[in-house]
C-alpha cells in the first residue's frame, strides 16, 4: 500500500473511521495476498476481486469463505467491506495515473 493512500482518502472526504478501516483491511489483504500495487498493475485487481466474490446467495447456502483471510462473524458483510476497501484503493491508483497523464 502506498504511503499517500491515507492522504488521498482524507482529501477525498472519507471519515477518520473509514480511513482507518480501509487501511487496516488493505494491510490485511496484503499480508495474505502480497503487494496490492502489483495486483493492480497486473490486472486491475480482476483476479483478486474474483477471490473475494461472495454473494448473499453464497451466504444463504452456507458456502465457506473463499479467501485466505480468517473471518470471524458474517462472511458476506466482512468480504463486502474488504471489496469496498480494494475498490477505494483501485480508485486511488486510477486517480494517480490520470493525474500523471493529464
N, C-alpha and C. Protein backbone atom coordinates (compact mmCIF):
# COMPACT_ATOMS: atom_id res chain seq x y z
N UNK A 1 0.86 -1.17 0.00
CA UNK A 1 0.00 0.00 0.00
C UNK A 1 0.90 1.23 0.00
N UNK A 2 0.58 2.12 -0.88
CA UNK A 2 1.36 3.35 -0.98
C UNK A 2 1.06 4.27 0.22
N UNK A 3 2.11 4.92 0.70
CA UNK A 3 2.00 5.76 1.90
C UNK A 3 1.00 6.90 1.74
N UNK A 4 0.85 7.43 0.53
CA UNK A 4 -0.03 8.58 0.34
C UNK A 4 -1.50 8.18 0.14
N UNK A 5 -1.82 6.91 0.27
CA UNK A 5 -3.20 6.46 0.18
C UNK A 5 -4.06 7.14 1.25
N UNK A 6 -3.55 7.22 2.48
CA UNK A 6 -4.33 7.83 3.56
C UNK A 6 -4.58 9.31 3.29
N UNK A 7 -3.61 9.98 2.70
CA UNK A 7 -3.78 11.40 2.35
C UNK A 7 -4.87 11.53 1.29
N UNK A 8 -4.84 10.66 0.30
CA UNK A 8 -5.85 10.67 -0.76
C UNK A 8 -7.24 10.43 -0.17
N UNK A 9 -7.34 9.46 0.75
CA UNK A 9 -8.63 9.18 1.38
C UNK A 9 -9.15 10.40 2.12
N UNK A 10 -8.26 11.04 2.85
CA UNK A 10 -8.65 12.24 3.62
C UNK A 10 -9.11 13.35 2.68
N UNK A 11 -8.34 13.61 1.63
CA UNK A 11 -8.70 14.67 0.68
C UNK A 11 -9.96 14.32 -0.11
N UNK A 12 -10.27 13.03 -0.19
CA UNK A 12 -11.48 12.60 -0.90
C UNK A 12 -12.72 12.66 -0.01
N UNK A 13 -12.53 13.05 1.25
CA UNK A 13 -13.67 13.26 2.13
C UNK A 13 -14.09 12.06 2.96
N UNK A 14 -13.29 11.03 3.01
CA UNK A 14 -13.63 9.88 3.83
C UNK A 14 -13.48 10.23 5.31
N UNK A 15 -14.30 9.63 6.15
CA UNK A 15 -14.23 9.88 7.59
C UNK A 15 -12.99 9.20 8.18
N UNK A 16 -12.61 9.66 9.36
CA UNK A 16 -11.45 9.08 10.05
C UNK A 16 -11.62 7.57 10.24
N UNK A 17 -12.81 7.14 10.65
CA UNK A 17 -13.06 5.71 10.88
C UNK A 17 -12.95 4.91 9.58
N UNK A 18 -13.45 5.45 8.50
CA UNK A 18 -13.37 4.76 7.21
C UNK A 18 -11.91 4.66 6.76
N UNK A 19 -11.17 5.74 6.91
CA UNK A 19 -9.75 5.74 6.53
C UNK A 19 -9.01 4.67 7.31
N UNK A 20 -9.21 4.64 8.60
CA UNK A 20 -8.55 3.66 9.46
C UNK A 20 -8.95 2.24 9.06
N UNK A 21 -10.24 2.03 8.83
CA UNK A 21 -10.73 0.72 8.44
C UNK A 21 -10.18 0.26 7.11
N UNK A 22 -10.21 1.13 6.11
CA UNK A 22 -9.68 0.77 4.79
C UNK A 22 -8.20 0.43 4.86
N UNK A 23 -7.43 1.23 5.58
CA UNK A 23 -6.01 0.96 5.69
C UNK A 23 -5.76 -0.39 6.36
N UNK A 24 -6.50 -0.67 7.40
CA UNK A 24 -6.36 -1.94 8.10
C UNK A 24 -6.71 -3.11 7.18
N UNK A 25 -7.79 -2.96 6.44
CA UNK A 25 -8.22 -4.04 5.55
C UNK A 25 -7.22 -4.24 4.41
N UNK A 26 -6.70 -3.15 3.86
CA UNK A 26 -5.71 -3.27 2.79
C UNK A 26 -4.45 -3.96 3.31
N UNK A 27 -4.00 -3.57 4.50
CA UNK A 27 -2.82 -4.23 5.10
C UNK A 27 -3.06 -5.72 5.28
N UNK A 28 -4.25 -6.06 5.72
CA UNK A 28 -4.56 -7.48 5.96
C UNK A 28 -4.60 -8.26 4.65
N UNK A 29 -5.16 -7.67 3.61
CA UNK A 29 -5.18 -8.34 2.31
C UNK A 29 -3.73 -8.54 1.84
N UNK A 30 -2.90 -7.52 2.01
CA UNK A 30 -1.50 -7.64 1.60
C UNK A 30 -0.76 -8.72 2.38
N UNK A 31 -1.09 -8.89 3.65
CA UNK A 31 -0.46 -9.94 4.45
C UNK A 31 -0.71 -11.32 3.86
N UNK A 32 -1.88 -11.51 3.27
CA UNK A 32 -2.28 -12.83 2.76
C UNK A 32 -2.12 -12.99 1.25
N UNK A 33 -2.07 -11.88 0.51
CA UNK A 33 -2.03 -11.97 -0.95
C UNK A 33 -0.86 -11.22 -1.58
N UNK A 34 -0.06 -10.56 -0.79
CA UNK A 34 1.08 -9.82 -1.34
C UNK A 34 0.72 -8.39 -1.70
N UNK A 35 1.68 -7.71 -2.26
CA UNK A 35 1.59 -6.29 -2.57
C UNK A 35 0.41 -5.97 -3.49
N UNK A 36 -0.48 -5.10 -3.03
CA UNK A 36 -1.67 -4.76 -3.83
C UNK A 36 -1.32 -3.96 -5.07
N UNK A 37 -0.26 -3.19 -5.02
CA UNK A 37 0.14 -2.44 -6.21
C UNK A 37 0.52 -3.39 -7.34
N UNK A 38 1.16 -4.50 -7.00
CA UNK A 38 1.49 -5.49 -8.02
C UNK A 38 0.23 -6.13 -8.59
N UNK A 39 -0.73 -6.43 -7.73
CA UNK A 39 -2.01 -6.98 -8.20
C UNK A 39 -2.71 -5.97 -9.11
N UNK A 40 -2.71 -4.71 -8.72
CA UNK A 40 -3.36 -3.69 -9.54
C UNK A 40 -2.65 -3.55 -10.89
N UNK A 41 -1.33 -3.51 -10.86
CA UNK A 41 -0.57 -3.37 -12.10
C UNK A 41 -0.77 -4.58 -13.02
N UNK A 42 -0.94 -5.74 -12.44
CA UNK A 42 -1.11 -6.97 -13.21
C UNK A 42 -2.43 -6.99 -13.98
N UNK A 43 -3.54 -6.71 -13.26
CA UNK A 43 -4.84 -6.85 -13.93
C UNK A 43 -5.94 -5.96 -13.33
N UNK A 44 -5.53 -4.90 -12.63
CA UNK A 44 -6.53 -4.01 -12.04
C UNK A 44 -7.38 -4.66 -10.97
N UNK A 45 -6.84 -5.66 -10.28
CA UNK A 45 -7.50 -6.41 -9.20
C UNK A 45 -8.52 -7.42 -9.70
N UNK A 46 -8.56 -7.71 -10.98
CA UNK A 46 -9.57 -8.63 -11.51
C UNK A 46 -9.53 -9.98 -10.80
N UNK A 47 -8.36 -10.62 -10.77
CA UNK A 47 -8.28 -11.94 -10.13
C UNK A 47 -8.53 -11.86 -8.63
N UNK A 48 -8.00 -10.85 -8.00
CA UNK A 48 -8.20 -10.70 -6.57
C UNK A 48 -9.68 -10.46 -6.26
N UNK A 49 -10.33 -9.67 -7.07
CA UNK A 49 -11.77 -9.41 -6.87
C UNK A 49 -12.57 -10.71 -7.00
N UNK A 50 -12.18 -11.56 -7.93
CA UNK A 50 -12.86 -12.85 -8.08
C UNK A 50 -12.71 -13.70 -6.83
N UNK A 51 -11.54 -13.63 -6.21
CA UNK A 51 -11.29 -14.38 -4.98
C UNK A 51 -12.21 -13.91 -3.86
N UNK A 52 -12.48 -12.61 -3.81
CA UNK A 52 -13.28 -12.02 -2.73
C UNK A 52 -14.77 -11.99 -3.05
N UNK A 53 -15.16 -12.55 -4.18
CA UNK A 53 -16.58 -12.57 -4.55
C UNK A 53 -17.33 -13.53 -3.61
N UNK A 54 -18.40 -13.04 -3.04
CA UNK A 54 -19.22 -13.83 -2.13
C UNK A 54 -20.58 -13.14 -2.04
N UNK A 55 -21.60 -13.82 -2.53
CA UNK A 55 -22.93 -13.20 -2.62
C UNK A 55 -23.81 -13.56 -1.44
N UNK A 56 -24.93 -12.89 -1.38
CA UNK A 56 -25.92 -13.23 -0.34
C UNK A 56 -26.40 -14.66 -0.55
N UNK A 57 -26.49 -15.08 -1.80
CA UNK A 57 -26.87 -16.46 -2.09
C UNK A 57 -25.83 -17.44 -1.54
N UNK A 58 -24.55 -17.09 -1.70
CA UNK A 58 -23.48 -17.92 -1.12
C UNK A 58 -23.67 -18.03 0.39
N UNK A 59 -23.99 -16.92 1.02
CA UNK A 59 -24.19 -16.90 2.47
C UNK A 59 -25.39 -17.77 2.86
N UNK A 60 -26.50 -17.62 2.14
CA UNK A 60 -27.70 -18.41 2.45
C UNK A 60 -27.43 -19.90 2.32
N UNK A 61 -26.60 -20.25 1.34
CA UNK A 61 -26.31 -21.67 1.10
C UNK A 61 -25.17 -22.18 1.99
N UNK A 62 -24.64 -21.31 2.84
CA UNK A 62 -23.61 -21.73 3.78
C UNK A 62 -22.26 -22.03 3.15
N UNK A 63 -22.00 -21.42 2.01
CA UNK A 63 -20.71 -21.65 1.35
C UNK A 63 -19.58 -21.10 2.23
N UNK A 64 -18.44 -21.75 2.18
CA UNK A 64 -17.31 -21.31 3.02
C UNK A 64 -16.67 -20.04 2.49
N UNK A 65 -15.91 -19.41 3.34
CA UNK A 65 -15.12 -18.23 2.99
C UNK A 65 -14.16 -18.61 1.85
N UNK A 66 -14.22 -17.92 0.70
CA UNK A 66 -13.36 -18.28 -0.43
C UNK A 66 -11.95 -17.69 -0.36
N UNK A 67 -11.66 -16.91 0.67
CA UNK A 67 -10.38 -16.22 0.76
C UNK A 67 -9.45 -16.91 1.76
N UNK A 68 -8.21 -16.42 1.80
CA UNK A 68 -7.23 -16.90 2.77
C UNK A 68 -7.39 -16.23 4.13
N UNK A 69 -8.26 -15.25 4.22
CA UNK A 69 -8.44 -14.50 5.46
C UNK A 69 -9.27 -15.29 6.45
N UNK A 70 -8.86 -15.28 7.71
CA UNK A 70 -9.67 -15.84 8.78
C UNK A 70 -10.75 -14.81 9.11
N UNK A 71 -12.00 -15.19 8.99
CA UNK A 71 -13.09 -14.25 9.22
C UNK A 71 -13.97 -14.78 10.34
N UNK A 72 -14.06 -13.97 11.38
CA UNK A 72 -14.96 -14.28 12.48
C UNK A 72 -16.21 -13.43 12.25
N UNK A 73 -17.35 -14.05 12.27
CA UNK A 73 -18.58 -13.30 12.04
C UNK A 73 -19.12 -13.56 10.64
N UNK A 74 -19.94 -12.65 10.19
CA UNK A 74 -20.63 -12.79 8.92
C UNK A 74 -19.66 -12.66 7.74
N UNK A 75 -19.52 -13.72 6.98
CA UNK A 75 -18.58 -13.73 5.85
C UNK A 75 -19.00 -12.71 4.80
N UNK A 76 -20.28 -12.68 4.46
CA UNK A 76 -20.74 -11.76 3.42
C UNK A 76 -20.41 -10.31 3.76
N UNK A 77 -20.77 -9.88 4.96
CA UNK A 77 -20.54 -8.50 5.38
C UNK A 77 -19.06 -8.16 5.42
N UNK A 78 -18.27 -9.06 5.97
CA UNK A 78 -16.83 -8.82 6.07
C UNK A 78 -16.18 -8.73 4.69
N UNK A 79 -16.50 -9.66 3.81
CA UNK A 79 -15.89 -9.61 2.47
C UNK A 79 -16.38 -8.41 1.68
N UNK A 80 -17.61 -7.97 1.90
CA UNK A 80 -18.10 -6.75 1.25
C UNK A 80 -17.27 -5.56 1.69
N UNK A 81 -16.89 -5.52 2.95
CA UNK A 81 -16.06 -4.44 3.46
C UNK A 81 -14.67 -4.47 2.82
N UNK A 82 -14.10 -5.65 2.68
CA UNK A 82 -12.81 -5.78 2.01
C UNK A 82 -12.91 -5.36 0.54
N UNK A 83 -13.99 -5.73 -0.11
CA UNK A 83 -14.17 -5.33 -1.51
C UNK A 83 -14.27 -3.82 -1.64
N UNK A 84 -14.95 -3.16 -0.71
CA UNK A 84 -15.04 -1.69 -0.74
C UNK A 84 -13.66 -1.07 -0.55
N UNK A 85 -12.88 -1.60 0.36
CA UNK A 85 -11.53 -1.07 0.59
C UNK A 85 -10.67 -1.25 -0.66
N UNK A 86 -10.76 -2.41 -1.30
CA UNK A 86 -9.97 -2.64 -2.53
C UNK A 86 -10.46 -1.76 -3.67
N UNK A 87 -11.77 -1.53 -3.75
CA UNK A 87 -12.31 -0.64 -4.79
C UNK A 87 -11.81 0.78 -4.56
N UNK A 88 -11.74 1.19 -3.32
CA UNK A 88 -11.21 2.51 -2.99
C UNK A 88 -9.74 2.62 -3.38
N UNK A 89 -8.98 1.57 -3.11
CA UNK A 89 -7.56 1.58 -3.46
C UNK A 89 -7.39 1.61 -4.98
N UNK A 90 -8.23 0.88 -5.69
CA UNK A 90 -8.18 0.90 -7.15
C UNK A 90 -8.50 2.30 -7.67
N UNK A 91 -9.47 2.96 -7.07
CA UNK A 91 -9.82 4.34 -7.47
C UNK A 91 -8.65 5.28 -7.20
N UNK A 92 -8.00 5.09 -6.04
CA UNK A 92 -6.80 5.87 -5.71
C UNK A 92 -5.73 5.68 -6.78
N UNK A 93 -5.47 4.43 -7.14
CA UNK A 93 -4.45 4.16 -8.15
C UNK A 93 -4.84 4.75 -9.50
N UNK A 94 -6.08 4.62 -9.90
CA UNK A 94 -6.55 5.15 -11.18
C UNK A 94 -6.45 6.68 -11.20
N UNK A 95 -6.84 7.30 -10.11
CA UNK A 95 -6.75 8.77 -9.99
C UNK A 95 -5.31 9.23 -10.11
N UNK A 96 -4.40 8.52 -9.49
CA UNK A 96 -2.99 8.89 -9.55
C UNK A 96 -2.46 8.77 -10.98
N UNK A 97 -2.84 7.72 -11.69
CA UNK A 97 -2.40 7.54 -13.07
C UNK A 97 -2.95 8.66 -13.95
N UNK A 98 -4.22 8.99 -13.77
CA UNK A 98 -4.82 10.06 -14.55
C UNK A 98 -4.16 11.39 -14.27
N UNK A 99 -3.77 11.62 -13.03
CA UNK A 99 -3.10 12.89 -12.67
C UNK A 99 -1.76 13.03 -13.40
N UNK A 100 -1.07 11.91 -13.59
CA UNK A 100 0.23 11.95 -14.25
C UNK A 100 0.11 11.99 -15.77
N UNK A 101 -1.03 11.55 -16.30
CA UNK A 101 -1.19 11.52 -17.76
C UNK A 101 -1.96 12.72 -18.28
N UNK A 102 -2.55 13.50 -17.38
CA UNK A 102 -3.35 14.66 -17.81
C UNK A 102 -2.47 15.84 -18.18
